[in-house]
């Protein structure tokens, strides 16, 4: 006999999601995983632009299909008086409202934060502006990481293939919402939060920013950017690479001893030409065997060494929870993120407006 899943910490709570694109979706994914009901309000006809971000699966953008699995979709025109009134009624009966419009937009549509909090004093509202205190500025992830100094840390001025600011801000927003829910339970009433997207890169750059603020040497970039022999990737005999993360001297000494290069015991933090010489010596040793052999050796010796895998290899081996796809079938793609508390769902991401009638019907006759 199967055992029904335990309810999540947010089971029984309702989130109204007015956000668009990745930052809000990251927040929503976590709230869904914790058991919250999420009602996503989208523009009729087009919906969240992330619905069309390729690749498309069953006519829905794959990022949307993965991140919004389990949500409900309501199609409403917020510029229309009736649409705005419906959102107000939803907010009156909900615990959290998330939005990412440019500052002042909701107020122009008759949905100011003051009005929504007056209608529901227990509401936790959360806005995701691009910049704190700069309502006229817009930005995407590349702009945000550029201004945060992240690109200055990228070797060769490269552009990250992952969205650090958007994902970081979405996760910070989740933390803020959860803290506000706890505060509401303890002290009441609700509140409105502003979690700017520019805050997203900050946790990733704290060490480096602190060094820069003090005018100190860029130790973080040197240690973590692949300049030191003890923390970088190396090519092995089969052409594949391994990542060596031997920051502690005991690990570096153990590593060079295991590969038969004891003479490099003092070269873990070498720089300049000394670092180049040490790296070449390590790769000469690793060229004798394939990457898998070196990983096995390191595992036996308790050393931090891993094989560099492609995303395709990771996807093929992933054992995460399955995400149901809109057209049937499922995809295993590394979820859930909050493993200890997550509530599984077998509901796929919603079609645009799929739940409009079901969600709004109980609100008919309520105050506007």
Protein backbone atom coordinates (compact mmCIF):
# COMPACT_ATOMS: atom_id res chain seq x y z
CA UNK A 1 0.00 0.00 0.00
CA UNK A 2 1.43 3.38 -1.01
CA UNK A 3 1.93 6.02 1.64
CA UNK A 4 0.46 9.42 0.77
CA UNK A 5 3.03 12.23 0.70
CA UNK A 6 3.33 14.43 3.76
CA UNK A 7 1.93 17.94 3.39
CA UNK A 8 4.47 20.63 2.73
CA UNK A 9 5.16 23.54 5.09
CA UNK A 10 3.11 25.87 2.86
CA UNK A 11 0.20 23.51 2.21
CA UNK A 12 -3.03 25.48 2.49
CA UNK A 13 -1.42 28.77 1.47
CA UNK A 14 -2.22 30.51 -1.82
CA UNK A 15 0.22 32.57 -3.88
CA UNK A 16 -0.95 34.96 -6.59
CA UNK A 17 1.83 35.21 -9.15
CA UNK A 18 1.80 38.29 -11.39
CA UNK A 19 5.50 37.99 -12.23
CA UNK A 20 7.02 37.29 -15.63
CA UNK A 21 10.15 35.54 -16.81
CA UNK A 22 12.83 33.77 -14.78
CA UNK A 23 13.26 35.55 -11.41
CA UNK A 24 9.62 35.16 -10.38
CA UNK A 25 9.51 31.62 -11.78
CA UNK A 26 12.45 30.64 -9.58
CA UNK A 27 10.59 31.94 -6.52
CA UNK A 28 7.37 30.23 -7.58
CA UNK A 29 9.13 26.90 -8.15
CA UNK A 30 10.34 26.88 -4.55
CA UNK A 31 6.95 27.88 -3.13
CA UNK A 32 5.30 25.14 -5.18
CA UNK A 33 7.85 22.62 -3.93
CA UNK A 34 6.93 23.62 -0.37
CA UNK A 35 3.27 22.85 -0.98
CA UNK A 36 1.78 26.26 -1.78
CA UNK A 37 -1.00 26.67 -4.30
CA UNK A 38 0.16 29.08 -7.02
CA UNK A 39 -2.33 30.96 -9.19
CA UNK A 40 -0.41 32.50 -12.06
CA UNK A 41 -2.17 35.51 -13.59
CA UNK A 42 -1.20 36.01 -17.25
CA UNK A 43 -2.06 38.35 -20.06
CA UNK A 44 -4.72 36.87 -22.36
CA UNK A 45 -3.45 35.75 -25.74
CA UNK A 46 0.27 35.88 -24.96
CA UNK A 47 0.79 34.94 -21.32
CA UNK A 48 4.14 35.02 -19.61
CA UNK A 49 6.81 35.63 -22.31
CA UNK A 50 8.73 32.67 -20.88
CA UNK A 51 6.08 30.42 -22.44
CA UNK A 52 7.80 30.99 -25.77
CA UNK A 53 11.44 30.69 -24.67
CA UNK A 54 12.88 27.77 -26.67
CA UNK A 55 13.11 24.91 -26.89
CA UNK A 56 9.36 24.37 -27.09
CA UNK A 57 7.83 21.16 -25.72
CA UNK A 58 4.21 20.54 -26.67
CA UNK A 59 3.95 24.21 -27.62
CA UNK A 60 5.29 25.51 -24.29
CA UNK A 61 8.79 26.81 -23.58
CA UNK A 62 10.80 24.21 -21.72
CA UNK A 63 11.87 26.62 -18.92
CA UNK A 64 8.21 27.45 -18.28
CA UNK A 65 7.21 23.79 -18.40
CA UNK A 66 9.81 22.85 -15.79
CA UNK A 67 9.54 25.81 -13.42
CA UNK A 68 5.75 26.22 -13.44
CA UNK A 69 4.75 22.56 -13.15
CA UNK A 70 1.92 22.34 -10.65
CA UNK A 71 0.79 25.97 -10.98
CA UNK A 72 -2.64 27.16 -12.16
CA UNK A 73 -3.08 29.71 -14.94
CA UNK A 74 -5.68 32.48 -15.02
CA UNK A 75 -5.89 34.79 -18.05
CA UNK A 76 -6.77 38.36 -17.04
CA UNK A 77 -6.16 41.77 -18.58
CA UNK A 78 -4.98 43.87 -15.65
CA UNK A 79 -5.46 47.05 -17.67
CA UNK A 80 -9.15 46.26 -17.74
CA UNK A 81 -11.23 47.28 -14.74
CA UNK A 82 -12.81 43.85 -14.39
CA UNK A 83 -9.45 42.12 -14.65
CA UNK A 84 -7.94 44.33 -11.97
CA UNK A 85 -10.97 43.76 -9.74
CA UNK A 86 -10.57 39.99 -10.11
CA UNK A 87 -6.93 40.20 -9.05
CA UNK A 88 -7.96 42.32 -6.05
CA UNK A 89 -10.45 39.65 -5.00
CA UNK A 90 -7.78 36.98 -5.42
CA UNK A 91 -5.36 38.98 -3.28
CA UNK A 92 -7.99 39.38 -0.58
CA UNK A 93 -8.12 35.60 -0.21
CA UNK A 94 -4.41 34.82 -0.64
CA UNK A 95 -1.30 34.72 1.51
CA UNK A 96 1.32 35.97 -0.94
CA UNK A 97 1.32 38.15 -4.05
CA UNK A 98 4.41 38.24 -6.26
CA UNK A 99 4.91 40.79 -9.06
CA UNK A 100 7.69 42.01 -11.33
CA UNK A 101 6.18 44.93 -13.24
CA UNK A 102 8.05 48.21 -13.44
CA UNK A 103 7.50 50.23 -10.25
CA UNK A 104 4.21 52.13 -10.32
CA UNK A 105 2.57 49.94 -12.97
CA UNK A 106 0.18 48.10 -10.66
CA UNK A 107 -0.81 51.38 -8.98
CA UNK A 108 -1.81 52.79 -12.38
CA UNK A 109 -4.11 49.81 -12.80
CA UNK A 110 -5.74 50.38 -9.42
CA UNK A 111 -3.72 47.71 -7.65
CA UNK A 112 -1.34 49.72 -5.47
CA UNK A 113 0.36 47.92 -2.63
CA UNK A 114 -1.37 50.18 -0.11
CA UNK A 115 -4.79 49.28 -1.50
CA UNK A 116 -4.00 45.56 -1.58
CA UNK A 117 -2.69 45.58 1.97
CA UNK A 118 -5.73 47.54 3.12
CA UNK A 119 -7.98 44.94 1.50
CA UNK A 120 -6.00 42.07 3.04
CA UNK A 121 -3.85 43.14 6.02
CA UNK A 122 -2.41 39.62 6.25
CA UNK A 123 -1.05 39.67 2.69
CA UNK A 124 2.68 39.28 2.03
CA UNK A 125 3.43 41.22 -1.13
CA UNK A 126 6.77 40.95 -2.94
CA UNK A 127 7.97 43.09 -5.84
CA UNK A 128 10.97 42.30 -8.04
CA UNK A 129 12.18 45.65 -9.43
CA UNK A 130 15.36 45.67 -11.50
CA UNK A 131 17.08 48.23 -9.28
CA UNK A 132 16.35 49.43 -5.77
CA UNK A 133 15.21 53.04 -5.77
CA UNK A 134 15.59 53.51 -9.54
CA UNK A 135 12.11 52.95 -10.99
CA UNK A 136 12.93 54.11 -14.52
CA UNK A 137 15.75 51.65 -15.15
CA UNK A 138 15.26 48.29 -16.85
CA UNK A 139 17.74 45.45 -17.13
CA UNK A 140 18.27 41.83 -18.02
CA UNK A 141 20.64 39.42 -16.33
CA UNK A 142 23.67 40.46 -18.40
CA UNK A 143 23.22 44.10 -17.39
CA UNK A 144 22.90 43.13 -13.73
CA UNK A 145 25.99 40.93 -13.58
CA UNK A 146 27.93 43.56 -15.52
CA UNK A 147 27.12 46.24 -12.96
CA UNK A 148 27.75 43.84 -10.06
CA UNK A 149 31.34 43.21 -11.15
CA UNK A 150 30.71 39.58 -12.08
CA UNK A 151 31.92 40.01 -15.65
CA UNK A 152 35.12 41.54 -14.32
CA UNK A 153 35.75 38.21 -12.60
CA UNK A 154 35.10 36.11 -15.70
CA UNK A 155 38.28 34.86 -17.42
CA UNK A 156 38.76 36.65 -20.70
CA UNK A 157 35.71 38.83 -20.17
CA UNK A 158 33.38 35.95 -20.95
CA UNK A 159 29.61 36.02 -20.54
CA UNK A 160 28.13 33.43 -18.12
CA UNK A 161 25.83 30.92 -19.79
CA UNK A 162 23.72 30.86 -16.63
CA UNK A 163 21.56 33.63 -15.21
CA UNK A 164 23.18 34.41 -11.88
CA UNK A 165 21.29 37.61 -11.11
CA UNK A 166 17.84 36.30 -11.99
CA UNK A 167 18.22 33.02 -10.13
CA UNK A 168 19.95 34.65 -7.16
CA UNK A 169 17.26 37.31 -6.82
CA UNK A 170 14.51 34.70 -7.13
CA UNK A 171 16.01 32.65 -4.33
CA UNK A 172 16.52 35.72 -2.14
CA UNK A 173 12.88 36.63 -2.72
CA UNK A 174 11.84 33.18 -1.54
CA UNK A 175 13.84 33.63 1.65
CA UNK A 176 12.29 37.06 2.23
CA UNK A 177 8.76 35.74 1.67
CA UNK A 178 9.26 32.81 4.01
CA UNK A 179 10.69 35.10 6.70
CA UNK A 180 7.76 37.48 6.27
CA UNK A 181 5.31 34.59 6.64
CA UNK A 182 7.00 33.58 9.91
CA UNK A 183 6.89 37.19 11.14
CA UNK A 184 3.22 37.39 10.24
CA UNK A 185 2.46 34.26 12.23
CA UNK A 186 4.36 35.58 15.24
CA UNK A 187 3.54 39.25 15.19
CA UNK A 188 1.22 40.13 12.30
CA UNK A 189 0.13 41.73 10.09
CA UNK A 190 1.35 41.27 6.52
CA UNK A 191 3.87 43.47 4.72
CA UNK A 192 5.25 44.37 1.29
CA UNK A 193 8.77 43.44 0.28
CA UNK A 194 11.03 44.81 -2.44
CA UNK A 195 13.72 42.37 -3.58
CA UNK A 196 15.62 43.95 -6.44
CA UNK A 197 17.12 41.88 -9.22
CA UNK A 198 20.41 43.73 -8.73
CA UNK A 199 20.65 41.96 -5.36
CA UNK A 200 20.91 38.58 -7.11
CA UNK A 201 24.69 38.53 -7.71
CA UNK A 202 25.62 39.91 -4.29
CA UNK A 203 25.87 36.61 -2.38
CA UNK A 204 28.15 35.24 -5.11
CA UNK A 205 30.53 38.22 -4.99
CA UNK A 206 30.68 39.01 -1.25
CA UNK A 207 34.29 37.90 -0.76
CA UNK A 208 35.53 39.58 -3.94
CA UNK A 209 33.60 42.81 -3.26
CA UNK A 210 34.99 42.99 0.26
CA UNK A 211 38.54 42.73 -1.08
CA UNK A 212 37.86 45.44 -3.62
CA UNK A 213 36.31 47.71 -1.00
CA UNK A 214 39.50 47.48 1.05
CA UNK A 215 41.72 47.94 -1.98
CA UNK A 216 43.32 44.56 -1.35
CA UNK A 217 44.79 42.01 -3.73
CA UNK A 218 42.23 39.90 -5.56
CA UNK A 219 42.81 36.75 -3.58
CA UNK A 220 39.33 35.36 -4.30
CA UNK A 221 39.82 35.66 -8.04
CA UNK A 222 43.28 34.15 -7.84
CA UNK A 223 42.27 31.21 -5.69
CA UNK A 224 38.93 30.45 -7.34
CA UNK A 225 39.58 31.60 -10.90
CA UNK A 226 41.93 28.81 -11.92
CA UNK A 227 45.21 30.67 -11.47
CA UNK A 228 46.51 28.38 -8.72
CA UNK A 229 47.48 24.77 -9.45
CA UNK A 230 45.47 23.50 -6.47
CA UNK A 231 42.11 24.74 -7.80
CA UNK A 232 41.61 24.26 -11.52
CA UNK A 233 40.87 21.71 -14.22
CA UNK A 234 43.38 19.37 -15.85
CA UNK A 235 43.32 17.31 -19.02
CA UNK A 236 43.82 13.56 -18.67
CA UNK A 237 45.07 10.83 -20.96
CA UNK A 238 41.72 10.29 -22.71
CA UNK A 239 41.25 13.98 -23.44
CA UNK A 240 38.67 14.46 -20.70
CA UNK A 241 39.20 16.93 -17.87
CA UNK A 242 39.09 16.61 -14.11
CA UNK A 243 38.44 19.37 -11.58
CA UNK A 244 40.92 19.46 -8.71
CA UNK A 245 39.68 21.47 -5.69
CA UNK A 246 42.58 20.96 -3.29
CA UNK A 247 42.55 24.35 -1.54
CA UNK A 248 43.60 22.86 1.79
CA UNK A 249 47.32 21.95 1.80
CA UNK A 250 46.56 18.44 3.08
CA UNK A 251 44.44 17.78 -0.01
CA UNK A 252 47.02 19.18 -2.42
CA UNK A 253 49.82 17.17 -0.82
CA UNK A 254 47.63 14.07 -0.89
CA UNK A 255 46.81 14.69 -4.56
CA UNK A 256 50.35 15.17 -5.83
CA UNK A 257 51.50 12.22 -3.72
CA UNK A 258 48.77 10.00 -5.20
CA UNK A 259 49.80 10.87 -8.76
CA UNK A 260 53.49 10.39 -8.01
CA UNK A 261 54.52 14.05 -8.07
CA UNK A 262 55.69 14.61 -4.49
CA UNK A 263 58.08 17.32 -5.66
CA UNK A 264 55.03 19.59 -6.24
CA UNK A 265 53.91 19.49 -2.60
CA UNK A 266 54.75 23.16 -2.11
CA UNK A 267 53.32 24.39 -5.42
CA UNK A 268 49.60 24.43 -4.67
CA UNK A 269 49.40 28.21 -4.44
CA UNK A 270 52.14 28.99 -6.95
CA UNK A 271 51.59 31.97 -9.27
CA UNK A 272 53.11 33.21 -12.49
CA UNK A 273 55.65 31.01 -14.21
CA UNK A 274 55.89 28.75 -11.16
CA UNK A 275 52.19 28.00 -11.52
CA UNK A 276 52.56 27.29 -15.24
CA UNK A 277 55.41 24.88 -14.53
CA UNK A 278 53.41 23.06 -11.84
CA UNK A 279 50.31 22.78 -14.04
CA UNK A 280 52.35 21.33 -16.89
CA UNK A 281 53.92 18.81 -14.54
CA UNK A 282 50.54 17.70 -13.19
CA UNK A 283 49.07 17.31 -16.68
CA UNK A 284 52.11 15.28 -17.73
CA UNK A 285 51.34 12.85 -14.90
CA UNK A 286 47.59 12.76 -15.58
CA UNK A 287 48.23 12.03 -19.27
CA UNK A 288 49.17 8.47 -18.31
CA UNK A 289 45.59 7.41 -17.52
CA UNK A 290 41.97 8.26 -18.37
CA UNK A 291 39.96 10.65 -16.21
CA UNK A 292 37.81 7.89 -14.70
CA UNK A 293 40.91 6.18 -13.30
CA UNK A 294 42.07 9.35 -11.61
CA UNK A 295 38.61 9.91 -10.11
CA UNK A 296 38.62 6.38 -8.73
CA UNK A 297 42.09 6.90 -7.26
CA UNK A 298 41.09 10.19 -5.66
CA UNK A 299 37.96 8.59 -4.19
CA UNK A 300 40.03 5.88 -2.56
CA UNK A 301 42.29 8.51 -1.02
CA UNK A 302 39.47 10.85 0.02
CA UNK A 303 40.56 13.68 -2.30
CA UNK A 304 38.34 16.40 -3.90
CA UNK A 305 38.64 15.49 -7.57
CA UNK A 306 35.76 15.17 -10.04
CA UNK A 307 35.36 14.49 -13.72
CA UNK A 308 34.15 17.44 -15.79
CA UNK A 309 30.87 16.29 -17.33
CA UNK A 310 28.88 17.81 -20.16
CA UNK A 311 25.30 18.93 -19.56
CA UNK A 312 24.16 16.10 -21.83
CA UNK A 313 25.93 13.56 -19.62
CA UNK A 314 24.44 15.09 -16.49
CA UNK A 315 20.95 15.02 -18.01
CA UNK A 316 21.31 11.39 -19.06
CA UNK A 317 22.38 10.34 -15.56
CA UNK A 318 20.08 12.60 -13.55
CA UNK A 319 18.02 10.82 -10.90
CA UNK A 320 15.99 13.83 -9.78
CA UNK A 321 12.24 13.92 -9.39
CA UNK A 322 10.21 13.75 -12.58
CA UNK A 323 8.46 16.81 -13.99
CA UNK A 324 5.25 16.07 -15.89
CA UNK A 325 5.12 17.65 -19.35
CA UNK A 326 1.98 19.34 -20.75
CA UNK A 327 1.56 16.86 -23.59
CA UNK A 328 2.18 13.80 -21.49
CA UNK A 329 5.36 12.07 -20.47
CA UNK A 330 7.88 13.34 -17.99
CA UNK A 331 11.35 14.78 -17.71
CA UNK A 332 13.97 14.28 -15.00
CA UNK A 333 15.93 17.49 -14.73
CA UNK A 334 17.45 17.83 -11.28
CA UNK A 335 14.53 18.79 -9.09
CA UNK A 336 13.31 19.44 -6.56
CA UNK A 337 15.74 22.01 -5.18
CA UNK A 338 14.41 21.89 -1.62
CA UNK A 339 14.83 18.15 -1.29
CA UNK A 340 14.12 17.78 2.42
CA UNK A 341 10.72 19.51 2.40
CA UNK A 342 9.51 19.26 -1.19
CA UNK A 343 6.04 17.99 -2.03
CA UNK A 344 5.95 16.06 -5.32
CA UNK A 345 3.43 17.02 -7.99
CA UNK A 346 2.30 15.14 -11.05
CA UNK A 347 0.56 18.16 -12.59
CA UNK A 348 2.26 19.70 -15.64
CA UNK A 349 2.69 23.41 -16.24
CA UNK A 350 -0.69 24.91 -17.15
CA UNK A 351 -1.93 25.94 -20.55
CA UNK A 352 -2.57 29.66 -20.77
CA UNK A 353 -5.85 30.44 -18.97
CA UNK A 354 -6.49 26.77 -18.26
CA UNK A 355 -7.87 27.46 -14.77
CA UNK A 356 -9.50 30.85 -15.29
CA UNK A 357 -13.08 29.69 -14.80
CA UNK A 358 -12.33 27.33 -11.92
CA UNK A 359 -10.29 29.91 -9.99
CA UNK A 360 -12.59 32.90 -10.53
CA UNK A 361 -15.94 31.15 -10.08
CA UNK A 362 -15.73 31.02 -6.24
CA UNK A 363 -14.91 34.75 -6.22
CA UNK A 364 -18.08 35.79 -8.01
CA UNK A 365 -20.14 38.04 -5.84
CA UNK A 366 -17.14 39.03 -3.67
CA UNK A 367 -16.24 42.65 -3.07
CA UNK A 368 -14.14 44.47 -5.59
